[in-house]
Amino acid sequence: MGCRGLLACPLRIQVRASNGEREHVMKAALWILAAAGALAAGVGFAQSGADVLKAKGCLNCHETDKKKVGPAFKDVAAKYKGDKGAASTLVAKLRDGKGHPKADASDTELKAAVGSVLSTK
């Protein structure tokens, strides 16, 4: 009797080796599977734009609906409304520190934060 689909078949690793070697191979396989699972789970834990804005201290100078030290997020969104290159322009300004203090964040974090700001209504 064969397998009837991917989920019906248990994972089987056949190794022709002594018990000690077999145990070593199985432990290595488990570590590889655990590492792959951790990497896959990491993708799901990406921070939202709002989380990045909070974590990176953006809210110290900006608010959603009123000017603080910097402009309100809704004003930034209004200024760049309809501009297809707005996100890349703002990410570059934040990354390079042009017209804004240089942000200590990855490109992924900057894109998420800028996306959140540009979606402010």
N, C-alpha and C. Protein backbone atom coordinates (compact mmCIF):
# COMPACT_ATOMS: atom_id res chain seq x y z
N MET A 1 0.85 -1.16 0.00
CA MET A 1 0.00 0.00 0.00
C MET A 1 0.90 1.23 0.00
N GLY A 2 0.66 2.17 -0.93
CA GLY A 2 1.48 3.37 -1.06
C GLY A 2 0.84 4.56 -0.37
N CYS A 3 1.53 5.68 -0.43
CA CYS A 3 1.02 6.92 0.15
C CYS A 3 -0.09 7.48 -0.73
N ARG A 4 -1.06 8.10 -0.10
CA ARG A 4 -2.18 8.69 -0.84
C ARG A 4 -2.13 10.21 -0.81
N GLY A 5 -1.00 10.75 -0.83
CA GLY A 5 -0.87 12.20 -0.81
C GLY A 5 0.21 12.61 0.16
N LEU A 6 0.59 13.84 0.06
CA LEU A 6 1.70 14.34 0.86
C LEU A 6 1.42 14.26 2.36
N LEU A 7 0.21 14.59 2.77
CA LEU A 7 -0.08 14.60 4.19
C LEU A 7 -0.28 13.20 4.77
N ALA A 8 -0.56 12.22 3.93
CA ALA A 8 -0.78 10.87 4.41
C ALA A 8 0.53 10.13 4.66
N CYS A 9 1.62 10.61 4.12
CA CYS A 9 2.92 9.92 4.24
C CYS A 9 3.73 10.50 5.38
N PRO A 10 4.15 9.69 6.30
CA PRO A 10 5.03 10.19 7.36
C PRO A 10 6.43 10.40 6.79
N LEU A 11 7.15 11.33 7.39
CA LEU A 11 8.52 11.60 6.97
C LEU A 11 9.39 10.45 7.44
N ARG A 12 10.04 9.80 6.49
CA ARG A 12 10.91 8.68 6.85
C ARG A 12 12.29 8.91 6.25
N ILE A 13 13.27 8.80 7.09
CA ILE A 13 14.65 8.93 6.64
C ILE A 13 15.31 7.60 6.94
N GLN A 14 15.80 6.96 5.89
CA GLN A 14 16.46 5.68 6.07
C GLN A 14 17.97 5.89 5.96
N VAL A 15 18.65 5.46 6.98
CA VAL A 15 20.09 5.61 7.01
C VAL A 15 20.70 4.26 7.35
N ARG A 16 21.64 3.83 6.53
CA ARG A 16 22.36 2.59 6.81
C ARG A 16 23.63 2.94 7.56
N ALA A 17 23.54 2.86 8.85
CA ALA A 17 24.67 3.21 9.69
C ALA A 17 24.48 2.58 11.06
N SER A 18 25.50 2.73 11.89
CA SER A 18 25.38 2.22 13.25
C SER A 18 24.40 3.09 14.02
N ASN A 19 23.98 2.61 15.17
CA ASN A 19 23.02 3.37 15.97
C ASN A 19 23.54 4.76 16.33
N GLY A 20 24.82 4.87 16.67
CA GLY A 20 25.40 6.17 17.03
C GLY A 20 25.40 7.12 15.84
N GLU A 21 25.77 6.61 14.67
CA GLU A 21 25.77 7.45 13.47
C GLU A 21 24.35 7.83 13.07
N ARG A 22 23.42 6.88 13.20
CA ARG A 22 22.03 7.15 12.86
C ARG A 22 21.47 8.26 13.77
N GLU A 23 21.79 8.17 15.06
CA GLU A 23 21.33 9.19 16.00
C GLU A 23 21.90 10.55 15.62
N HIS A 24 23.16 10.59 15.22
CA HIS A 24 23.80 11.85 14.81
C HIS A 24 23.11 12.44 13.58
N VAL A 25 22.80 11.61 12.60
CA VAL A 25 22.13 12.06 11.38
C VAL A 25 20.72 12.57 11.71
N MET A 26 20.01 11.86 12.57
CA MET A 26 18.67 12.28 12.93
C MET A 26 18.68 13.63 13.68
N LYS A 27 19.65 13.80 14.58
CA LYS A 27 19.76 15.07 15.28
C LYS A 27 20.05 16.21 14.30
N ALA A 28 20.93 15.95 13.35
CA ALA A 28 21.26 16.96 12.34
C ALA A 28 20.02 17.31 11.51
N ALA A 29 19.24 16.30 11.15
CA ALA A 29 18.03 16.53 10.37
C ALA A 29 17.03 17.36 11.17
N LEU A 30 16.92 17.08 12.46
CA LEU A 30 16.01 17.86 13.31
C LEU A 30 16.45 19.31 13.42
N TRP A 31 17.76 19.53 13.55
CA TRP A 31 18.27 20.91 13.61
C TRP A 31 17.99 21.66 12.31
N ILE A 32 18.17 20.99 11.20
CA ILE A 32 17.90 21.61 9.90
C ILE A 32 16.43 21.98 9.79
N LEU A 33 15.55 21.07 10.17
CA LEU A 33 14.12 21.36 10.13
C LEU A 33 13.75 22.49 11.08
N ALA A 34 14.35 22.51 12.26
CA ALA A 34 14.07 23.57 13.22
C ALA A 34 14.54 24.92 12.69
N ALA A 35 15.72 24.96 12.08
CA ALA A 35 16.24 26.20 11.51
C ALA A 35 15.35 26.69 10.37
N ALA A 36 14.92 25.77 9.52
CA ALA A 36 14.04 26.15 8.41
C ALA A 36 12.71 26.69 8.94
N GLY A 37 12.20 26.08 9.97
CA GLY A 37 10.96 26.56 10.58
C GLY A 37 11.12 27.94 11.19
N ALA A 38 12.26 28.17 11.84
CA ALA A 38 12.51 29.48 12.44
C ALA A 38 12.61 30.55 11.38
N LEU A 39 13.28 30.24 10.27
CA LEU A 39 13.38 31.20 9.17
C LEU A 39 12.01 31.49 8.57
N ALA A 40 11.23 30.47 8.38
CA ALA A 40 9.89 30.66 7.81
C ALA A 40 9.02 31.46 8.76
N ALA A 41 9.13 31.23 10.05
CA ALA A 41 8.33 31.97 11.03
C ALA A 41 8.77 33.42 11.10
N GLY A 42 10.03 33.69 10.88
CA GLY A 42 10.55 35.06 10.90
C GLY A 42 9.87 35.94 9.89
N VAL A 43 9.50 35.40 8.77
CA VAL A 43 8.81 36.17 7.74
C VAL A 43 7.48 36.66 8.26
N GLY A 44 6.81 35.85 9.05
CA GLY A 44 5.51 36.22 9.59
C GLY A 44 5.57 37.23 10.72
N PHE A 45 6.76 37.47 11.28
CA PHE A 45 6.89 38.38 12.39
C PHE A 45 7.38 39.76 11.98
N ALA A 46 7.30 40.09 10.71
CA ALA A 46 7.72 41.40 10.25
C ALA A 46 6.88 42.46 10.95
N GLN A 47 7.52 43.55 11.35
CA GLN A 47 6.82 44.60 12.06
C GLN A 47 5.91 45.37 11.11
N SER A 48 4.79 45.81 11.63
CA SER A 48 3.91 46.68 10.86
C SER A 48 4.51 48.08 10.84
N GLY A 49 4.04 48.89 9.93
CA GLY A 49 4.53 50.26 9.85
C GLY A 49 4.31 51.02 11.14
N ALA A 50 3.15 50.85 11.77
CA ALA A 50 2.86 51.53 13.03
C ALA A 50 3.82 51.08 14.12
N ASP A 51 4.17 49.80 14.14
CA ASP A 51 5.13 49.29 15.13
C ASP A 51 6.51 49.89 14.92
N VAL A 52 6.90 50.02 13.65
CA VAL A 52 8.21 50.61 13.34
C VAL A 52 8.23 52.08 13.77
N LEU A 53 7.17 52.82 13.46
CA LEU A 53 7.10 54.24 13.84
C LEU A 53 7.27 54.41 15.35
N LYS A 54 6.67 53.52 16.09
CA LYS A 54 6.76 53.58 17.56
C LYS A 54 8.16 53.15 18.03
N ALA A 55 8.65 52.03 17.51
CA ALA A 55 9.92 51.47 17.96
C ALA A 55 11.12 52.35 17.63
N LYS A 56 11.06 53.04 16.51
CA LYS A 56 12.19 53.85 16.06
C LYS A 56 12.13 55.29 16.57
N GLY A 57 11.12 55.62 17.37
CA GLY A 57 11.05 56.93 17.98
C GLY A 57 10.46 58.03 17.11
N CYS A 58 9.82 57.67 16.03
CA CYS A 58 9.23 58.67 15.12
C CYS A 58 8.16 59.49 15.83
N LEU A 59 7.47 58.84 16.77
CA LEU A 59 6.37 59.52 17.46
C LEU A 59 6.87 60.57 18.46
N ASN A 60 8.18 60.65 18.67
CA ASN A 60 8.73 61.71 19.51
C ASN A 60 8.61 63.07 18.82
N CYS A 61 8.65 63.06 17.49
CA CYS A 61 8.62 64.32 16.73
C CYS A 61 7.38 64.46 15.85
N HIS A 62 6.66 63.39 15.61
CA HIS A 62 5.50 63.42 14.72
C HIS A 62 4.27 62.86 15.43
N GLU A 63 3.11 63.37 15.01
CA GLU A 63 1.83 62.80 15.43
C GLU A 63 1.00 62.55 14.18
N THR A 64 -0.04 61.79 14.33
CA THR A 64 -0.87 61.45 13.18
C THR A 64 -1.59 62.67 12.63
N ASP A 65 -2.18 63.48 13.52
CA ASP A 65 -3.07 64.53 13.03
C ASP A 65 -2.68 65.96 13.37
N LYS A 66 -1.55 66.16 14.05
CA LYS A 66 -1.12 67.55 14.31
C LYS A 66 0.39 67.66 14.29
N LYS A 67 0.84 68.86 13.92
CA LYS A 67 2.27 69.14 13.84
C LYS A 67 2.86 69.14 15.24
N LYS A 68 4.01 68.53 15.35
CA LYS A 68 4.73 68.51 16.62
C LYS A 68 6.06 69.20 16.30
N VAL A 69 7.18 68.53 16.41
CA VAL A 69 8.46 69.05 15.92
C VAL A 69 8.49 68.91 14.40
N GLY A 70 8.02 67.76 13.93
CA GLY A 70 7.93 67.51 12.49
C GLY A 70 6.47 67.56 12.05
N PRO A 71 6.25 67.46 10.76
CA PRO A 71 4.88 67.53 10.25
C PRO A 71 4.03 66.35 10.69
N ALA A 72 2.72 66.56 10.69
CA ALA A 72 1.78 65.48 11.00
C ALA A 72 1.80 64.46 9.87
N PHE A 73 1.60 63.20 10.20
CA PHE A 73 1.61 62.15 9.19
C PHE A 73 0.53 62.39 8.13
N LYS A 74 -0.63 62.91 8.54
CA LYS A 74 -1.70 63.16 7.57
C LYS A 74 -1.29 64.25 6.59
N ASP A 75 -0.48 65.23 7.04
CA ASP A 75 0.00 66.28 6.15
C ASP A 75 1.03 65.74 5.16
N VAL A 76 1.87 64.84 5.61
CA VAL A 76 2.84 64.20 4.72
C VAL A 76 2.10 63.37 3.67
N ALA A 77 1.10 62.63 4.10
CA ALA A 77 0.31 61.81 3.18
C ALA A 77 -0.40 62.69 2.15
N ALA A 78 -0.94 63.83 2.59
CA ALA A 78 -1.63 64.74 1.67
C ALA A 78 -0.65 65.34 0.66
N LYS A 79 0.54 65.70 1.12
CA LYS A 79 1.55 66.30 0.24
C LYS A 79 1.95 65.35 -0.88
N TYR A 80 2.06 64.06 -0.56
CA TYR A 80 2.55 63.08 -1.54
C TYR A 80 1.42 62.28 -2.20
N LYS A 81 0.17 62.65 -1.94
CA LYS A 81 -0.96 61.93 -2.53
C LYS A 81 -0.86 61.95 -4.06
N GLY A 82 -0.99 60.78 -4.66
CA GLY A 82 -0.93 60.66 -6.11
C GLY A 82 0.48 60.58 -6.68
N ASP A 83 1.49 60.75 -5.87
CA ASP A 83 2.89 60.67 -6.32
C ASP A 83 3.34 59.21 -6.24
N LYS A 84 3.52 58.60 -7.41
CA LYS A 84 3.89 57.18 -7.44
C LYS A 84 5.28 56.91 -6.89
N GLY A 85 6.15 57.90 -6.90
CA GLY A 85 7.52 57.72 -6.40
C GLY A 85 7.70 58.19 -4.97
N ALA A 86 6.60 58.52 -4.30
CA ALA A 86 6.67 59.08 -2.95
C ALA A 86 7.35 58.14 -1.96
N ALA A 87 6.98 56.89 -2.00
CA ALA A 87 7.54 55.94 -1.02
C ALA A 87 9.05 55.84 -1.16
N SER A 88 9.54 55.67 -2.38
CA SER A 88 10.99 55.55 -2.56
C SER A 88 11.71 56.86 -2.22
N THR A 89 11.08 57.99 -2.51
CA THR A 89 11.67 59.29 -2.17
C THR A 89 11.81 59.45 -0.67
N LEU A 90 10.75 59.13 0.06
CA LEU A 90 10.78 59.28 1.52
C LEU A 90 11.72 58.28 2.18
N VAL A 91 11.75 57.05 1.67
CA VAL A 91 12.68 56.05 2.22
C VAL A 91 14.12 56.54 2.04
N ALA A 92 14.43 57.09 0.86
CA ALA A 92 15.79 57.60 0.61
C ALA A 92 16.13 58.76 1.54
N LYS A 93 15.18 59.67 1.76
CA LYS A 93 15.42 60.79 2.68
C LYS A 93 15.71 60.31 4.09
N LEU A 94 14.95 59.33 4.54
CA LEU A 94 15.15 58.80 5.88
C LEU A 94 16.46 58.03 5.99
N ARG A 95 16.78 57.25 4.95
CA ARG A 95 18.01 56.45 4.97
C ARG A 95 19.24 57.34 4.92
N ASP A 96 19.19 58.40 4.09
CA ASP A 96 20.36 59.23 3.86
C ASP A 96 20.45 60.44 4.78
N GLY A 97 19.36 60.73 5.50
CA GLY A 97 19.38 61.87 6.40
C GLY A 97 19.28 63.20 5.68
N LYS A 98 18.56 63.26 4.58
CA LYS A 98 18.40 64.51 3.81
C LYS A 98 17.05 65.12 4.15
N GLY A 99 17.06 66.27 4.85
CA GLY A 99 15.82 66.94 5.23
C GLY A 99 15.15 66.31 6.43
N HIS A 100 15.80 65.33 7.02
CA HIS A 100 15.28 64.60 8.17
C HIS A 100 16.45 63.90 8.83
N PRO A 101 16.48 63.82 10.15
CA PRO A 101 17.57 63.05 10.77
C PRO A 101 17.64 61.63 10.22
N LYS A 102 18.85 61.15 10.03
CA LYS A 102 19.05 59.80 9.49
C LYS A 102 18.40 58.77 10.41
N ALA A 103 17.57 57.93 9.83
CA ALA A 103 16.86 56.90 10.60
C ALA A 103 17.72 55.65 10.73
N ASP A 104 17.78 55.12 11.93
CA ASP A 104 18.51 53.88 12.20
C ASP A 104 17.55 52.71 12.04
N ALA A 105 17.30 52.34 10.77
CA ALA A 105 16.34 51.28 10.46
C ALA A 105 16.73 50.61 9.16
N SER A 106 16.30 49.37 9.00
CA SER A 106 16.56 48.65 7.75
C SER A 106 15.64 49.18 6.65
N ASP A 107 15.95 48.86 5.41
CA ASP A 107 15.10 49.28 4.30
C ASP A 107 13.69 48.72 4.45
N THR A 108 13.58 47.49 4.92
CA THR A 108 12.27 46.87 5.12
C THR A 108 11.46 47.66 6.16
N GLU A 109 12.12 48.03 7.25
CA GLU A 109 11.44 48.82 8.29
C GLU A 109 11.05 50.19 7.76
N LEU A 110 11.95 50.83 7.01
CA LEU A 110 11.65 52.15 6.46
C LEU A 110 10.46 52.09 5.50
N LYS A 111 10.44 51.06 4.65
CA LYS A 111 9.32 50.92 3.70
C LYS A 111 8.00 50.72 4.44
N ALA A 112 8.03 49.94 5.52
CA ALA A 112 6.81 49.70 6.29
C ALA A 112 6.35 51.01 6.96
N ALA A 113 7.29 51.76 7.53
CA ALA A 113 6.94 53.01 8.20
C ALA A 113 6.40 54.03 7.20
N VAL A 114 7.07 54.17 6.07
CA VAL A 114 6.63 55.12 5.04
C VAL A 114 5.27 54.72 4.50
N GLY A 115 5.06 53.44 4.29
CA GLY A 115 3.76 52.97 3.82
C GLY A 115 2.65 53.32 4.80
N SER A 116 2.95 53.20 6.08
CA SER A 116 1.96 53.54 7.11
C SER A 116 1.68 55.04 7.10
N VAL A 117 2.71 55.86 6.98
CA VAL A 117 2.53 57.31 6.95
C VAL A 117 1.72 57.73 5.72
N LEU A 118 2.07 57.17 4.56
CA LEU A 118 1.39 57.57 3.32
C LEU A 118 -0.06 57.11 3.28
N SER A 119 -0.41 56.13 4.09
CA SER A 119 -1.80 55.65 4.12
C SER A 119 -2.64 56.39 5.16
N THR A 120 -2.02 57.33 5.86
CA THR A 120 -2.73 58.10 6.89
C THR A 120 -3.77 59.00 6.24
N LYS A 121 -4.96 59.03 6.84
CA LYS A 121 -6.05 59.88 6.31
C LYS A 121 -6.47 60.89 7.33
